[in-house]
C-alpha atoms as a PDB file:
ATOM      1  CA  UNK A   1      49.030  88.914 144.494  1.00  0.00           C
ATOM      2  CA  UNK A   2      49.018  87.211 141.032  1.00  0.00           C
ATOM      3  CA  UNK A   3      52.458  85.934 139.980  1.00  0.00           C
ATOM      4  CA  UNK A   4      53.946  84.375 137.141  1.00  0.00           C
ATOM      5  CA  UNK A   5      53.053  80.787 136.686  1.00  0.00           C
ATOM      6  CA  UNK A   6      55.610  78.467 137.446  1.00  0.00           C
ATOM      7  CA  UNK A   7      56.941  75.731 135.192  1.00  0.00           C
ATOM      8  CA  UNK A   8      56.753  71.820 135.925  1.00  0.00           C
ATOM      9  CA  UNK A   9      56.778  71.053 139.618  1.00  0.00           C
ATOM     10  CA  UNK A  10      56.466  74.698 140.482  1.00  0.00           C
ATOM     11  CA  UNK A  11      59.890  75.798 139.118  1.00  0.00           C
ATOM     12  CA  UNK A  12      60.116  79.180 137.360  1.00  0.00           C
ATOM     13  CA  UNK A  13      60.232  79.120 133.592  1.00  0.00           C
ATOM     14  CA  UNK A  14      63.710  79.273 132.150  1.00  0.00           C
ATOM     15  CA  UNK A  15      64.864  82.668 131.197  1.00  0.00           C
ATOM     16  CA  UNK A  16      65.670  83.304 127.646  1.00  0.00           C
ATOM     17  CA  UNK A  17      68.979  85.248 127.158  1.00  0.00           C
ATOM     18  CA  UNK A  18      67.907  86.700 123.700  1.00  0.00           C
ATOM     19  CA  UNK A  19      64.432  87.003 121.937  1.00  0.00           C
ATOM     20  CA  UNK A  20      63.985  84.959 118.998  1.00  0.00           C
ATOM     21  CA  UNK A  21      64.176  86.416 115.438  1.00  0.00           C
ATOM     22  CA  UNK A  22      65.674  89.358 113.324  1.00  0.00           C
ATOM     23  CA  UNK A  23      69.339  89.086 113.846  1.00  0.00           C
ATOM     24  CA  UNK A  24      72.243  90.524 111.683  1.00  0.00           C
ATOM     25  CA  UNK A  25      75.941  89.984 111.992  1.00  0.00           C
ATOM     26  CA  UNK A  26      78.704  92.428 111.043  1.00  0.00           C
ATOM     27  CA  UNK A  27      81.739  90.464 109.972  1.00  0.00           C
ATOM     28  CA  UNK A  28      84.118  93.355 110.193  1.00  0.00           C
ATOM     29  CA  UNK A  29      83.311  94.023 113.965  1.00  0.00           C
ATOM     30  CA  UNK A  30      81.960  90.611 114.491  1.00  0.00           C
ATOM     31  CA  UNK A  31      79.114  92.060 116.304  1.00  0.00           C
ATOM     32  CA  UNK A  32      75.291  91.074 116.240  1.00  0.00           C
ATOM     33  CA  UNK A  33      72.479  93.514 115.794  1.00  0.00           C
ATOM     34  CA  UNK A  34      68.724  92.717 116.406  1.00  0.00           C
ATOM     35  CA  UNK A  35      66.263  94.400 114.157  1.00  0.00           C
ATOM     36  CA  UNK A  36      62.845  93.353 113.396  1.00  0.00           C
ATOM     37  CA  UNK A  37      61.686  96.420 111.592  1.00  0.00           C
ATOM     38  CA  UNK A  38      62.071  95.558 108.020  1.00  0.00           C
ATOM     39  CA  UNK A  39      62.754  99.316 106.860  1.00  0.00           C
ATOM     40  CA  UNK A  40      65.431  99.525 109.585  1.00  0.00           C
ATOM     41  CA  UNK A  41      66.796  96.188 108.605  1.00  0.00           C
ATOM     42  CA  UNK A  42      67.467  97.485 105.146  1.00  0.00           C
ATOM     43  CA  UNK A  43      69.549 100.167 106.470  1.00  0.00           C
ATOM     44  CA  UNK A  44      71.830  97.926 108.173  1.00  0.00           C
ATOM     45  CA  UNK A  45      73.321  96.707 104.757  1.00  0.00           C
ATOM     46  CA  UNK A  46      75.307  99.931 104.360  1.00  0.00           C
ATOM     47  CA  UNK A  47      76.740  99.532 107.709  1.00  0.00           C
ATOM     48  CA  UNK A  48      78.200  95.959 106.846  1.00  0.00           C
ATOM     49  CA  UNK A  49      75.596  93.699 108.354  1.00  0.00           C
ATOM     50  CA  UNK A  50      74.664  90.432 106.733  1.00  0.00           C
ATOM     51  CA  UNK A  51      71.808  88.064 107.083  1.00  0.00           C
ATOM     52  CA  UNK A  52      71.342  84.364 106.286  1.00  0.00           C
ATOM     53  CA  UNK A  53      73.571  83.111 103.570  1.00  0.00           C
ATOM     54  CA  UNK A  54      75.842  86.049 104.123  1.00  0.00           C
ATOM     55  CA  UNK A  55      73.981  88.317 101.963  1.00  0.00           C
ATOM     56  CA  UNK A  56      73.638  91.927 102.719  1.00  0.00           C
ATOM     57  CA  UNK A  57      70.865  92.740 105.475  1.00  0.00           C
ATOM     58  CA  UNK A  58      67.488  93.049 103.906  1.00  0.00           C
ATOM     59  CA  UNK A  59      63.942  93.021 105.142  1.00  0.00           C
ATOM     60  CA  UNK A  60      63.559  89.245 105.513  1.00  0.00           C
ATOM     61  CA  UNK A  61      66.919  87.524 105.625  1.00  0.00           C
ATOM     62  CA  UNK A  62      67.738  87.742 109.273  1.00  0.00           C
ATOM     63  CA  UNK A  63      68.995  84.990 111.330  1.00  0.00           C
ATOM     64  CA  UNK A  64      66.087  83.310 113.198  1.00  0.00           C
ATOM     65  CA  UNK A  65      68.007  83.190 116.575  1.00  0.00           C
ATOM     66  CA  UNK A  66      70.898  84.893 118.512  1.00  0.00           C
ATOM     67  CA  UNK A  67      72.583  81.431 118.398  1.00  0.00           C
ATOM     68  CA  UNK A  68      72.383  80.961 114.851  1.00  0.00           C
ATOM     69  CA  UNK A  69      74.022  84.440 114.172  1.00  0.00           C
ATOM     70  CA  UNK A  70      76.940  83.431 116.661  1.00  0.00           C
ATOM     71  CA  UNK A  71      77.391  80.161 114.684  1.00  0.00           C
ATOM     72  CA  UNK A  72      77.514  82.223 111.361  1.00  0.00           C
ATOM     73  CA  UNK A  73      80.389  84.454 112.996  1.00  0.00           C
ATOM     74  CA  UNK A  74      82.090  81.193 114.055  1.00  0.00           C
ATOM     75  CA  UNK A  75      81.852  79.752 110.664  1.00  0.00           C
ATOM     76  CA  UNK A  76      83.221  82.878 109.208  1.00  0.00           C
ATOM     77  CA  UNK A  77      86.057  82.931 111.516  1.00  0.00           C
ATOM     78  CA  UNK A  78      87.069  79.391 110.302  1.00  0.00           C
ATOM     79  CA  UNK A  79      87.125  80.225 106.676  1.00  0.00           C
ATOM     80  CA  UNK A  80      90.710  80.492 105.078  1.00  0.00           C
ATOM     81  CA  UNK A  81      90.024  82.997 102.393  1.00  0.00           C
ATOM     82  CA  UNK A  82      87.605  85.607 104.030  1.00  0.00           C
ATOM     83  CA  UNK A  83      86.458  88.884 102.348  1.00  0.00           C
ATOM     84  CA  UNK A  84      84.333  90.813 104.942  1.00  0.00           C
ATOM     85  CA  UNK A  85      83.180  93.139 102.170  1.00  0.00           C
ATOM     86  CA  UNK A  86      81.879  90.218  99.929  1.00  0.00           C
ATOM     87  CA  UNK A  87      81.418  87.321 102.260  1.00  0.00           C
ATOM     88  CA  UNK A  88      79.366  85.231  99.934  1.00  0.00           C
ATOM     89  CA  UNK A  89      82.242  84.951  97.529  1.00  0.00           C
ATOM     90  CA  UNK A  90      84.310  83.676 100.267  1.00  0.00           C
ATOM     91  CA  UNK A  91      81.896  80.856 100.905  1.00  0.00           C
ATOM     92  CA  UNK A  92      81.899  79.973  97.201  1.00  0.00           C
ATOM     93  CA  UNK A  93      78.370  81.217  96.640  1.00  0.00           C
ATOM     94  CA  UNK A  94      77.294  83.114  93.555  1.00  0.00           C
ATOM     95  CA  UNK A  95      76.951  86.448  95.181  1.00  0.00           C
ATOM     96  CA  UNK A  96      80.002  87.840  93.816  1.00  0.00           C
ATOM     97  CA  UNK A  97      79.571  90.967  91.399  1.00  0.00           C
ATOM     98  CA  UNK A  98      81.777  90.058  88.445  1.00  0.00           C
ATOM     99  CA  UNK A  99      82.929  87.552  86.114  1.00  0.00           C
ATOM    100  CA  UNK A 100      81.050  84.322  84.960  1.00  0.00           C
ATOM    101  CA  UNK A 101      79.473  82.586  87.871  1.00  0.00           C
ATOM    102  CA  UNK A 102      79.787  85.531  90.183  1.00  0.00           C
ATOM    103  CA  UNK A 103      83.077  84.592  91.559  1.00  0.00           C
ATOM    104  CA  UNK A 104      83.707  87.807  93.207  1.00  0.00           C
ATOM    105  CA  UNK A 105      86.906  88.423  90.801  1.00  0.00           C
ATOM    106  CA  UNK A 106      85.323  91.507  89.379  1.00  0.00           C
ATOM    107  CA  UNK A 107      88.349  93.763  89.873  1.00  0.00           C
ATOM    108  CA  UNK A 108      90.700  91.421  88.089  1.00  0.00           C
ATOM    109  CA  UNK A 109      88.418  90.970  85.003  1.00  0.00           C
ATOM    110  CA  UNK A 110      87.722  94.595  84.887  1.00  0.00           C
ATOM    111  CA  UNK A 111      91.419  95.614  84.702  1.00  0.00           C
ATOM    112  CA  UNK A 112      91.767  92.971  82.135  1.00  0.00           C
ATOM    113  CA  UNK A 113      88.948  94.385  79.946  1.00  0.00           C
ATOM    114  CA  UNK A 114      90.497  97.931  80.589  1.00  0.00           C
ATOM    115  CA  UNK A 115      93.923  97.083  79.344  1.00  0.00           C
ATOM    116  CA  UNK A 116      92.292  95.216  76.182  1.00  0.00           C
ATOM    117  CA  UNK A 117      90.361  98.441  75.416  1.00  0.00           C
ATOM    118  CA  UNK A 118      93.375 100.446  75.774  1.00  0.00           C
ATOM    119  CA  UNK A 119      95.359  98.247  73.472  1.00  0.00           C
ATOM    120  CA  UNK A 120      92.541  98.254  70.837  1.00  0.00           C
ATOM    121  CA  UNK A 121      92.351 102.144  71.066  1.00  0.00           C
ATOM    122  CA  UNK A 122      96.065 102.422  70.432  1.00  0.00           C
ATOM    123  CA  UNK A 123      96.314  99.971  67.771  1.00  0.00           C
ATOM    124  CA  UNK A 124      93.260 101.719  65.918  1.00  0.00           C
ATOM    125  CA  UNK A 125      94.889 105.188  66.355  1.00  0.00           C
ATOM    126  CA  UNK A 126      98.112 103.782  64.800  1.00  0.00           C
ATOM    127  CA  UNK A 127      96.099 102.401  61.852  1.00  0.00           C
ATOM    128  CA  UNK A 128      94.240 105.613  61.254  1.00  0.00           C
ATOM    129  CA  UNK A 129      97.583 107.631  61.266  1.00  0.00           C
ATOM    130  CA  UNK A 130      99.053 105.139  58.643  1.00  0.00           C
ATOM    131  CA  UNK A 131      95.979 105.383  56.456  1.00  0.00           C
ATOM    132  CA  UNK A 132      95.873 109.305  56.642  1.00  0.00           C
ATOM    133  CA  UNK A 133      99.601 109.302  55.427  1.00  0.00           C
ATOM    134  CA  UNK A 134      98.859 106.998  52.730  1.00  0.00           C
ATOM    135  CA  UNK A 135      95.867 109.194  51.525  1.00  0.00           C
ATOM    136  CA  UNK A 136      97.765 112.433  51.924  1.00  0.00           C
ATOM    137  CA  UNK A 137     100.767 110.778  50.025  1.00  0.00           C
ATOM    138  CA  UNK A 138      98.621 109.943  46.814  1.00  0.00           C
ATOM    139  CA  UNK A 139      96.937 113.499  46.551  1.00  0.00           C
ATOM    140  CA  UNK A 140      97.794 116.408  44.254  1.00  0.00           C
ATOM    141  CA  UNK A 141      98.919 118.532  47.181  1.00  0.00           C
ATOM    142  CA  UNK A 142     101.360 116.003  48.463  1.00  0.00           C
ATOM    143  CA  UNK A 143     102.800 115.875  44.785  1.00  0.00           C
ATOM    144  CA  UNK A 144     102.792 119.698  44.729  1.00  0.00           C
ATOM    145  CA  UNK A 145     104.905 119.741  48.004  1.00  0.00           C
ATOM    146  CA  UNK A 146     107.101 117.250  46.489  1.00  0.00           C
ATOM    147  CA  UNK A 147     107.826 119.341  43.341  1.00  0.00           C
ATOM    148  CA  UNK A 148     108.478 122.367  45.503  1.00  0.00           C
ATOM    149  CA  UNK A 149     110.960 120.478  47.686  1.00  0.00           C
ATOM    150  CA  UNK A 150     112.773 119.190  44.374  1.00  0.00           C
ATOM    151  CA  UNK A 151     112.984 122.740  42.871  1.00  0.00           C
ATOM    152  CA  UNK A 152     114.309 124.230  46.128  1.00  0.00           C
ATOM    153  CA  UNK A 153     117.051 121.513  46.210  1.00  0.00           C
ATOM    154  CA  UNK A 154     118.357 122.927  42.885  1.00  0.00           C
ATOM    155  CA  UNK A 155     116.987 120.033  40.411  1.00  0.00           C
ATOM    156  CA  UNK A 156     114.616 121.122  37.772  1.00  0.00           C
ATOM    157  CA  UNK A 157     111.172 119.675  37.754  1.00  0.00           C
ATOM    158  CA  UNK A 158     111.596 118.270  34.271  1.00  0.00           C
ATOM    159  CA  UNK A 159     115.079 116.669  35.269  1.00  0.00           C
ATOM    160  CA  UNK A 160     113.618 115.128  38.444  1.00  0.00           C
ATOM    161  CA  UNK A 161     110.539 113.483  36.689  1.00  0.00           C
END
């Protein structure tokens, strides 16, 4: 019978709890997933899994060991301002989606830009209305309407002008 060769002094080799490579972490559920198939690893990103540097799971950004993935979860638990939907911004990294430097403050800057555009649109509309009224006031049609209004008021055209 052929057995597994023993380690030094005939002791059995130490058992590994987890195989090395290809680990991703989910910061919402704080679970760890092993996926070494690059195509399947890409599919982990929409499920909330992240690789090294807290970037969304991709083909080649997995944690090298289970222990490294556990350490990342522990590191994440100790952060004061954590955002599980955008973890790289919580670390101060440049992975945020908005603003200069990718600070992750896109929702606030987007609302600021929206309110600026609404104010510009409103002011532009007011200016156009004032301009149209000024144009209409100087036309022959406006003078004709003014003459009719004066005549109906009982004042003659000659007396009013």
